[in-house]
Each structure stands twice: as C-alpha cells, then as structure tokens.
Amino acid sequence: MEWSHVRAPQWPGTISNEAAKRQVAERVASRAADGEVIGIGSGSTSFLALLALADRVQGVGLAVTCVPTSHEIAGYCTALGLPTVSLLAGRPDWCFDGADEVDPERNLIKGRGGAFVREKLVFAAARQRFILVDDSKFVTRLGERFAVPLEVIPEAVNLVRDTLADVLGSVPTIRPAGGKDGGVITEQGGIIMDLHVTEAVLDAHTPTDLAVLLDHTVGITGSGLFAGFDLEVLSDS
C-alpha cells in the first residue's frame, strides 16, 4: 500500500460541541512555526486541532514534525502528510491536548480515550503545553463528572483495587471494553481501571498529593490525573 493513497482521516462518531472545539483548534494551530516539533494529543478536540494544523502547514508551507500520543493519532498524521517521530527521536517544542475535566487550579482529568499514559509522557516532555477545551469541561472540583483512569499491570488488578480501597476508601473498577469481552487494554498492554474521586478523597488529598500517591502505588503504571503542570488552557469563552 502506498502512503499517498491513505484516506483523509475521519473522526469515528459525532463530535460534541464541534463549532466551539473548531474555534479553539484553529487558535492553537495558528501558533505553529517552521521547524517546530509538536506533540499531538488524542481525543476529538485534538483531532480537530490536527486537521487545522495540517491546513496551516500546507497553506503557509511550514515544515513541522509531530510526536503522536496514540496509534490512531499517528495514523491521522500519516494520512495528512505530517511526519512523525517518537520521544526517543524528538522533544516537543510545544504540545496540545484535550481534557475531560479542568478545575480552577488547572488540574486535569484525562483518559476517556485510554491514551493518557502516552499523553502524559508527551505532556511532560514538551517545553510548552496547551489544553484545548470547550466550556463544558470546567468543573469546581475534579471528579464531578468523570473518574480518574488508571493504567494497571494486568496481574496487579486485585492488588491495586485492595490498596486504593484501604488508602482512599474508593474502589477502582475495570473499564469494560466495547468491542471485546473483558476490560480495555491499552497500547502498552495494561488494563484500564477507573477510580471515582469523591469529595472526601479530595478533602484529605490535594490533586497533586493524590497524583503522587497514585504514581507510587505498586501496579499502577500511570494515571489520568494531571496535576501541577505548567500549562495554558484555551477555551471557546
């Protein structure tokens, strides 16, 4: 198969609040400059931003390199004619990504799409970070609408469940897959578990403290709680 024959990418489903997301996507794409390495997040807003970035690259004649955060995003980059590298070969000058929740201190919950470990790697490596959201993503406290996703080594599922039940009083559950029997398996071969963060948990732990606790729990390889990062939030408001 010749790469030039790859079809233009299409998002698999309806994009909620699409007009607002396109507005934010075009704002971040306008920042691209010649020669930059750009981290490309996953999710519908990042997808729209990638399309806007490809339009700018073609229209202005820029040369950029992309660091994708998932196999899907890597495929979209290829279909759009954008070269990609891994973090082993290039550090992003800046990156963009979406979020499921953003609190007043700009802490985030990410990971409904399951790519949060690679997203966090690219996020941490980037010199500048942009979060793209519509107004529906803002919350007064994390966990209002979504659970914190955890990537867990498969044989550690019971250990992680029992540990967090003891330490936090909240029991994480395996996220069921939609296209197979069993749980969602990540690109790294982990199992996704979802941890519901209650007010009691956040009363006892700041988001940064909770992120550290999760990162130090044996069996967890990464979480979708992004706390303490220097970032800029771009919204439609």
C-alpha atoms as a PDB file:
ATOM      1  CA  MET A   1       0.000   0.000   0.000  1.00  0.00           C
ATOM      2  CA  GLU A   2       1.294   3.451  -0.896  1.00  0.00           C
ATOM      3  CA  TRP A   3       1.015   6.010   1.885  1.00  0.00           C
ATOM      4  CA  SER A   4      -0.237   8.622  -0.585  1.00  0.00           C
ATOM      5  CA  HIS A   5      -3.396   6.535  -1.014  1.00  0.00           C
ATOM      6  CA  VAL A   6      -4.341   6.612   2.669  1.00  0.00           C
ATOM      7  CA  ARG A   7      -7.799   8.149   3.034  1.00  0.00           C
ATOM      8  CA  ALA A   8      -8.273  11.518   4.697  1.00  0.00           C
ATOM      9  CA  PRO A   9      -8.944  10.871   8.383  1.00  0.00           C
ATOM     10  CA  GLN A  10     -12.484  10.885   9.759  1.00  0.00           C
ATOM     11  CA  TRP A  11     -13.418  11.008  13.431  1.00  0.00           C
ATOM     12  CA  PRO A  12     -15.278   7.781  14.391  1.00  0.00           C
ATOM     13  CA  GLY A  13     -18.506   9.276  15.695  1.00  0.00           C
ATOM     14  CA  THR A  14     -20.211  12.558  16.445  1.00  0.00           C
ATOM     15  CA  ILE A  15     -18.088  15.359  17.900  1.00  0.00           C
ATOM     16  CA  SER A  16     -19.937  17.180  20.663  1.00  0.00           C
ATOM     17  CA  ASN A  17     -19.784  20.991  20.689  1.00  0.00           C
ATOM     18  CA  GLU A  18     -17.956  20.803  17.376  1.00  0.00           C
ATOM     19  CA  ALA A  19     -18.199  24.501  16.461  1.00  0.00           C
ATOM     20  CA  ALA A  20     -16.660  25.576  19.774  1.00  0.00           C
ATOM     21  CA  LYS A  21     -13.939  22.938  19.506  1.00  0.00           C
ATOM     22  CA  ARG A  22     -13.061  24.013  15.959  1.00  0.00           C
ATOM     23  CA  GLN A  23     -12.665  27.596  17.147  1.00  0.00           C
ATOM     24  CA  VAL A  24     -10.155  26.536  19.806  1.00  0.00           C
ATOM     25  CA  ALA A  25      -8.435  24.150  17.376  1.00  0.00           C
ATOM     26  CA  GLU A  26      -7.795  26.925  14.871  1.00  0.00           C
ATOM     27  CA  ARG A  27      -6.382  29.183  17.608  1.00  0.00           C
ATOM     28  CA  VAL A  28      -3.745  26.672  18.654  1.00  0.00           C
ATOM     29  CA  ALA A  29      -2.884  25.679  15.084  1.00  0.00           C
ATOM     30  CA  SER A  30      -2.132  29.327  14.274  1.00  0.00           C
ATOM     31  CA  ARG A  31       0.819  29.118  16.715  1.00  0.00           C
ATOM     32  CA  ALA A  32       2.755  26.638  14.579  1.00  0.00           C
ATOM     33  CA  ALA A  33       6.067  27.870  13.206  1.00  0.00           C
ATOM     34  CA  ASP A  34       8.543  26.442  10.727  1.00  0.00           C
ATOM     35  CA  GLY A  35      10.883  23.766  12.044  1.00  0.00           C
ATOM     36  CA  GLU A  36       8.953  23.013  15.234  1.00  0.00           C
ATOM     37  CA  VAL A  37       8.377  19.623  16.854  1.00  0.00           C
ATOM     38  CA  ILE A  38       4.776  19.492  18.093  1.00  0.00           C
ATOM     39  CA  GLY A  39       3.178  16.972  20.450  1.00  0.00           C
ATOM     40  CA  ILE A  40      -0.243  15.880  19.218  1.00  0.00           C
ATOM     41  CA  GLY A  41      -2.798  14.833  21.832  1.00  0.00           C
ATOM     42  CA  SER A  42      -5.624  12.358  21.433  1.00  0.00           C
ATOM     43  CA  GLY A  43      -9.379  12.914  21.524  1.00  0.00           C
ATOM     44  CA  SER A  44     -11.865  14.773  19.347  1.00  0.00           C
ATOM     45  CA  THR A  45     -10.625  18.299  20.096  1.00  0.00           C
ATOM     46  CA  SER A  46      -7.034  17.296  19.394  1.00  0.00           C
ATOM     47  CA  PHE A  47      -8.219  15.653  16.177  1.00  0.00           C
ATOM     48  CA  LEU A  48      -9.769  18.932  15.034  1.00  0.00           C
ATOM     49  CA  ALA A  49      -6.602  20.787  16.023  1.00  0.00           C
ATOM     50  CA  LEU A  50      -4.544  18.318  13.996  1.00  0.00           C
ATOM     51  CA  LEU A  51      -6.722  18.981  10.931  1.00  0.00           C
ATOM     52  CA  ALA A  52      -6.284  22.733  11.442  1.00  0.00           C
ATOM     53  CA  LEU A  53      -2.531  22.255  11.869  1.00  0.00           C
ATOM     54  CA  ALA A  54      -2.321  20.280   8.619  1.00  0.00           C
ATOM     55  CA  ASP A  55      -4.210  23.051   6.804  1.00  0.00           C
ATOM     56  CA  ARG A  56      -1.784  25.665   8.161  1.00  0.00           C
ATOM     57  CA  VAL A  57       1.272  23.581   7.269  1.00  0.00           C
ATOM     58  CA  GLN A  58       0.038  23.156   3.715  1.00  0.00           C
ATOM     59  CA  GLY A  59      -1.252  26.709   3.311  1.00  0.00           C
ATOM     60  CA  VAL A  60       1.810  28.513   4.685  1.00  0.00           C
ATOM     61  CA  GLY A  61       4.412  25.969   3.629  1.00  0.00           C
ATOM     62  CA  LEU A  62       5.713  25.022   7.065  1.00  0.00           C
ATOM     63  CA  ALA A  63       7.910  22.063   7.939  1.00  0.00           C
ATOM     64  CA  VAL A  64       6.878  20.574  11.277  1.00  0.00           C
ATOM     65  CA  THR A  65       7.355  17.194  12.923  1.00  0.00           C
ATOM     66  CA  CYS A  66       4.693  15.582  15.111  1.00  0.00           C
ATOM     67  CA  VAL A  67       5.035  13.460  18.226  1.00  0.00           C
ATOM     68  CA  PRO A  68       1.746  11.481  18.405  1.00  0.00           C
ATOM     69  CA  THR A  69       0.233  10.207  21.654  1.00  0.00           C
ATOM     70  CA  SER A  70      -1.566   7.161  20.227  1.00  0.00           C
ATOM     71  CA  HIS A  71      -1.577   4.775  17.272  1.00  0.00           C
ATOM     72  CA  GLU A  72      -4.726   6.492  15.976  1.00  0.00           C
ATOM     73  CA  ILE A  73      -3.147   9.939  16.033  1.00  0.00           C
ATOM     74  CA  ALA A  74      -0.011   8.575  14.361  1.00  0.00           C
ATOM     75  CA  GLY A  75      -2.218   7.191  11.578  1.00  0.00           C
ATOM     76  CA  TYR A  76      -4.030  10.504  11.196  1.00  0.00           C
ATOM     77  CA  CYS A  77      -0.693  12.329  10.916  1.00  0.00           C
ATOM     78  CA  THR A  78       0.421   9.948   8.184  1.00  0.00           C
ATOM     79  CA  ALA A  79      -2.838  10.390   6.288  1.00  0.00           C
ATOM     80  CA  LEU A  80      -2.380  14.167   6.439  1.00  0.00           C
ATOM     81  CA  GLY A  81       1.219  14.012   5.233  1.00  0.00           C
ATOM     82  CA  LEU A  82       2.733  15.128   8.538  1.00  0.00           C
ATOM     83  CA  PRO A  83       5.995  13.389   9.524  1.00  0.00           C
ATOM     84  CA  THR A  84       6.125  11.783  12.976  1.00  0.00           C
ATOM     85  CA  VAL A  85       8.821  10.819  15.469  1.00  0.00           C
ATOM     86  CA  SER A  86       8.764   9.201  18.886  1.00  0.00           C
ATOM     87  CA  LEU A  87      10.026  10.835  22.060  1.00  0.00           C
ATOM     88  CA  LEU A  88      13.234   8.891  21.545  1.00  0.00           C
ATOM     89  CA  ALA A  89      13.959  10.999  18.469  1.00  0.00           C
ATOM     90  CA  GLY A  90      12.420  14.383  19.214  1.00  0.00           C
ATOM     91  CA  ARG A  91      11.371  16.538  22.171  1.00  0.00           C
ATOM     92  CA  PRO A  92       8.272  18.686  21.501  1.00  0.00           C
ATOM     93  CA  ASP A  93       8.735  22.445  21.428  1.00  0.00           C
ATOM     94  CA  TRP A  94       5.082  22.531  22.482  1.00  0.00           C
ATOM     95  CA  CYS A  95       2.087  20.246  22.587  1.00  0.00           C
ATOM     96  CA  PHE A  96      -1.672  20.415  22.586  1.00  0.00           C
ATOM     97  CA  ASP A  97      -4.250  18.068  24.062  1.00  0.00           C
ATOM     98  CA  GLY A  98      -7.804  17.982  25.339  1.00  0.00           C
ATOM     99  CA  ALA A  99      -9.181  17.205  28.794  1.00  0.00           C
ATOM    100  CA  ASP A 100     -12.250  15.628  30.334  1.00  0.00           C
ATOM    101  CA  GLU A 101     -12.249  17.956  33.341  1.00  0.00           C
ATOM    102  CA  VAL A 102     -10.372  21.156  34.255  1.00  0.00           C
ATOM    103  CA  ASP A 103     -10.550  22.526  37.808  1.00  0.00           C
ATOM    104  CA  PRO A 104      -9.932  26.163  38.889  1.00  0.00           C
ATOM    105  CA  GLU A 105      -6.236  25.422  39.563  1.00  0.00           C
ATOM    106  CA  ARG A 106      -5.842  23.939  36.056  1.00  0.00           C
ATOM    107  CA  ASN A 107      -5.525  20.373  37.289  1.00  0.00           C
ATOM    108  CA  LEU A 108      -6.924  17.891  34.787  1.00  0.00           C
ATOM    109  CA  ILE A 109      -8.607  14.551  34.407  1.00  0.00           C
ATOM    110  CA  LYS A 110      -7.803  12.952  31.059  1.00  0.00           C
ATOM    111  CA  GLY A 111      -8.172   9.486  29.667  1.00  0.00           C
ATOM    112  CA  ARG A 112     -11.648   8.599  28.413  1.00  0.00           C
ATOM    113  CA  GLY A 113      -9.915   7.562  25.189  1.00  0.00           C
ATOM    114  CA  GLY A 114      -7.386   5.411  27.038  1.00  0.00           C
ATOM    115  CA  ALA A 115      -4.194   7.107  25.765  1.00  0.00           C
ATOM    116  CA  PHE A 116      -3.403   9.022  28.960  1.00  0.00           C
ATOM    117  CA  VAL A 117      -0.021   7.390  29.707  1.00  0.00           C
ATOM    118  CA  ARG A 118       1.477   8.364  26.355  1.00  0.00           C
ATOM    119  CA  GLU A 119      -0.308  11.716  26.598  1.00  0.00           C
ATOM    120  CA  LYS A 120       1.363  12.381  29.927  1.00  0.00           C
ATOM    121  CA  LEU A 121       4.776  11.387  28.568  1.00  0.00           C
ATOM    122  CA  VAL A 122       4.500  13.863  25.704  1.00  0.00           C
ATOM    123  CA  PHE A 123       2.967  16.454  28.038  1.00  0.00           C
ATOM    124  CA  ALA A 124       5.867  16.182  30.481  1.00  0.00           C
ATOM    125  CA  ALA A 125       8.462  16.337  27.706  1.00  0.00           C
ATOM    126  CA  ALA A 126       7.035  19.411  25.966  1.00  0.00           C
ATOM    127  CA  ARG A 127       8.537  22.803  26.710  1.00  0.00           C
ATOM    128  CA  GLN A 128       5.119  24.484  26.425  1.00  0.00           C
ATOM    129  CA  ARG A 129       1.661  22.930  26.888  1.00  0.00           C
ATOM    130  CA  PHE A 130      -1.812  23.903  25.688  1.00  0.00           C
ATOM    131  CA  ILE A 131      -5.080  22.320  26.817  1.00  0.00           C
ATOM    132  CA  LEU A 132      -7.973  22.746  24.389  1.00  0.00           C
ATOM    133  CA  VAL A 133     -11.473  22.639  25.859  1.00  0.00           C
ATOM    134  CA  ASP A 134     -14.987  23.954  25.445  1.00  0.00           C
ATOM    135  CA  ASP A 135     -16.782  25.410  28.433  1.00  0.00           C
ATOM    136  CA  SER A 136     -18.423  22.081  29.325  1.00  0.00           C
ATOM    137  CA  LYS A 137     -15.067  20.784  30.614  1.00  0.00           C
ATOM    138  CA  PHE A 138     -14.717  23.219  33.523  1.00  0.00           C
ATOM    139  CA  VAL A 139     -15.601  21.887  36.994  1.00  0.00           C
ATOM    140  CA  THR A 140     -15.417  23.261  40.523  1.00  0.00           C
ATOM    141  CA  ARG A 141     -13.628  20.117  41.691  1.00  0.00           C
ATOM    142  CA  LEU A 142     -12.130  17.124  39.931  1.00  0.00           C
ATOM    143  CA  GLY A 143     -14.260  14.007  39.755  1.00  0.00           C
ATOM    144  CA  GLU A 144     -17.575  15.810  39.362  1.00  0.00           C
ATOM    145  CA  ARG A 145     -18.346  14.073  36.078  1.00  0.00           C
ATOM    146  CA  PHE A 146     -15.585  11.563  35.366  1.00  0.00           C
ATOM    147  CA  ALA A 147     -13.444   9.055  37.186  1.00  0.00           C
ATOM    148  CA  VAL A 148      -9.642   9.134  37.199  1.00  0.00           C
ATOM    149  CA  PRO A 149      -8.396   6.431  34.814  1.00  0.00           C
ATOM    150  CA  LEU A 150      -5.520   4.223  35.886  1.00  0.00           C
ATOM    151  CA  GLU A 151      -3.331   2.018  33.728  1.00  0.00           C
ATOM    152  CA  VAL A 152      -2.597  -1.131  35.705  1.00  0.00           C
ATOM    153  CA  ILE A 153      -0.356  -4.135  35.091  1.00  0.00           C
ATOM    154  CA  PRO A 154      -2.880  -6.954  34.457  1.00  0.00           C
ATOM    155  CA  GLU A 155      -1.692  -9.239  37.240  1.00  0.00           C
ATOM    156  CA  ALA A 156      -1.828  -6.322  39.712  1.00  0.00           C
ATOM    157  CA  VAL A 157      -5.540  -5.570  39.281  1.00  0.00           C
ATOM    158  CA  ASN A 158      -6.562  -7.091  42.624  1.00  0.00           C
ATOM    159  CA  LEU A 159      -3.569  -5.570  44.427  1.00  0.00           C
ATOM    160  CA  VAL A 160      -4.379  -2.083  43.136  1.00  0.00           C
ATOM    161  CA  ARG A 161      -8.061  -2.490  43.945  1.00  0.00           C
ATOM    162  CA  ASP A 162      -7.361  -3.539  47.538  1.00  0.00           C
ATOM    163  CA  THR A 163      -4.617  -0.954  48.082  1.00  0.00           C
ATOM    164  CA  LEU A 164      -6.712   2.011  46.969  1.00  0.00           C
ATOM    165  CA  ALA A 165      -9.753   0.740  48.856  1.00  0.00           C
ATOM    166  CA  ASP A 166      -7.651   0.715  52.033  1.00  0.00           C
ATOM    167  CA  VAL A 167      -5.864   4.025  51.453  1.00  0.00           C
ATOM    168  CA  LEU A 168      -8.620   6.114  49.865  1.00  0.00           C
ATOM    169  CA  GLY A 169     -11.826   4.299  50.693  1.00  0.00           C
ATOM    170  CA  SER A 170     -12.660   4.259  46.981  1.00  0.00           C
ATOM    171  CA  VAL A 171     -12.612   1.056  44.932  1.00  0.00           C
ATOM    172  CA  PRO A 172     -11.396   1.312  41.309  1.00  0.00           C
ATOM    173  CA  THR A 173     -13.221  -0.812  38.745  1.00  0.00           C
ATOM    174  CA  ILE A 174     -12.065  -2.320  35.465  1.00  0.00           C
ATOM    175  CA  ARG A 175     -13.365  -0.347  32.497  1.00  0.00           C
ATOM    176  CA  PRO A 176     -15.302  -2.753  30.249  1.00  0.00           C
ATOM    177  CA  ALA A 177     -14.304  -2.817  26.580  1.00  0.00           C
ATOM    178  CA  GLY A 178     -16.839  -2.111  23.865  1.00  0.00           C
ATOM    179  CA  GLY A 179     -15.513  -4.404  21.147  1.00  0.00           C
ATOM    180  CA  LYS A 180     -14.313  -7.442  23.130  1.00  0.00           C
ATOM    181  CA  ASP A 181     -15.043  -9.445  26.229  1.00  0.00           C
ATOM    182  CA  GLY A 182     -13.244  -8.169  29.318  1.00  0.00           C
ATOM    183  CA  GLY A 183     -11.591  -4.872  30.079  1.00  0.00           C
ATOM    184  CA  VAL A 184      -9.983  -2.159  27.978  1.00  0.00           C
ATOM    185  CA  ILE A 185      -6.351  -2.990  27.146  1.00  0.00           C
ATOM    186  CA  THR A 186      -4.013  -0.068  26.441  1.00  0.00           C
ATOM    187  CA  GLU A 187      -1.353   0.219  23.758  1.00  0.00           C
ATOM    188  CA  GLN A 188       1.207  -0.678  26.441  1.00  0.00           C
ATOM    189  CA  GLY A 189      -0.695  -3.852  27.357  1.00  0.00           C
ATOM    190  CA  GLY A 190      -2.145  -2.512  30.605  1.00  0.00           C
ATOM    191  CA  ILE A 191      -5.681  -2.740  31.968  1.00  0.00           C
ATOM    192  CA  ILE A 192      -7.643   0.474  32.498  1.00  0.00           C
ATOM    193  CA  MET A 193      -9.325   0.869  35.868  1.00  0.00           C
ATOM    194  CA  ASP A 194     -11.488   3.862  36.779  1.00  0.00           C
ATOM    195  CA  LEU A 195     -11.215   5.459  40.219  1.00  0.00           C
ATOM    196  CA  HIS A 196     -14.108   7.664  41.326  1.00  0.00           C
ATOM    197  CA  VAL A 197     -12.723  10.586  43.310  1.00  0.00           C
ATOM    198  CA  THR A 198     -15.154  11.683  45.989  1.00  0.00           C
ATOM    199  CA  GLU A 199     -15.239  14.962  47.908  1.00  0.00           C
ATOM    200  CA  ALA A 200     -13.929  13.072  50.932  1.00  0.00           C
ATOM    201  CA  VAL A 201     -10.871  11.943  48.966  1.00  0.00           C
ATOM    202  CA  LEU A 202     -10.117  15.499  47.826  1.00  0.00           C
ATOM    203  CA  ASP A 203     -10.704  16.844  51.322  1.00  0.00           C
ATOM    204  CA  ALA A 204      -7.932  14.532  52.509  1.00  0.00           C
ATOM    205  CA  HIS A 205      -5.618  14.867  49.496  1.00  0.00           C
ATOM    206  CA  THR A 206      -4.826  17.761  47.181  1.00  0.00           C
ATOM    207  CA  PRO A 207      -4.826  16.830  43.476  1.00  0.00           C
ATOM    208  CA  THR A 208      -1.018  16.953  43.480  1.00  0.00           C
ATOM    209  CA  ASP A 209      -0.792  14.712  46.554  1.00  0.00           C
ATOM    210  CA  LEU A 210      -3.297  12.298  45.038  1.00  0.00           C
ATOM    211  CA  ALA A 211      -1.350  12.170  41.775  1.00  0.00           C
ATOM    212  CA  VAL A 212       1.832  11.320  43.692  1.00  0.00           C
ATOM    213  CA  LEU A 213       0.000   8.641  45.707  1.00  0.00           C
ATOM    214  CA  LEU A 214      -1.335   7.016  42.544  1.00  0.00           C
ATOM    215  CA  ASP A 215       2.049   7.161  40.809  1.00  0.00           C
ATOM    216  CA  HIS A 216       3.632   5.428  43.809  1.00  0.00           C
ATOM    217  CA  THR A 217       1.026   2.686  44.109  1.00  0.00           C
ATOM    218  CA  VAL A 218       2.632  -0.600  43.081  1.00  0.00           C
ATOM    219  CA  GLY A 219       0.957  -1.979  39.974  1.00  0.00           C
ATOM    220  CA  ILE A 220      -0.143   1.372  38.521  1.00  0.00           C
ATOM    221  CA  THR A 221       1.925   2.432  35.506  1.00  0.00           C
ATOM    222  CA  GLY A 222       0.207   5.793  35.077  1.00  0.00           C
ATOM    223  CA  SER A 223      -2.910   7.811  35.830  1.00  0.00           C
ATOM    224  CA  GLY A 224      -5.095  10.303  34.005  1.00  0.00           C
ATOM    225  CA  LEU A 225      -4.757  12.815  36.843  1.00  0.00           C
ATOM    226  CA  PHE A 226      -2.588  15.671  35.537  1.00  0.00           C
ATOM    227  CA  ALA A 227      -1.677  17.906  38.485  1.00  0.00           C
ATOM    228  CA  GLY A 228       0.961  20.587  38.979  1.00  0.00           C
ATOM    229  CA  PHE A 229       1.840  21.077  35.306  1.00  0.00           C
ATOM    230  CA  ASP A 230       2.649  24.499  33.877  1.00  0.00           C
ATOM    231  CA  LEU A 231       0.069  24.813  31.103  1.00  0.00           C
ATOM    232  CA  GLU A 232      -2.222  27.224  29.285  1.00  0.00           C
ATOM    233  CA  VAL A 233      -5.919  26.482  28.870  1.00  0.00           C
ATOM    234  CA  LEU A 234      -7.501  27.608  25.598  1.00  0.00           C
ATOM    235  CA  SER A 235     -11.307  27.624  25.611  1.00  0.00           C
ATOM    236  CA  ASP A 236     -14.113  28.988  23.466  1.00  0.00           C
ATOM    237  CA  SER A 237     -15.128  31.535  26.103  1.00  0.00           C
END
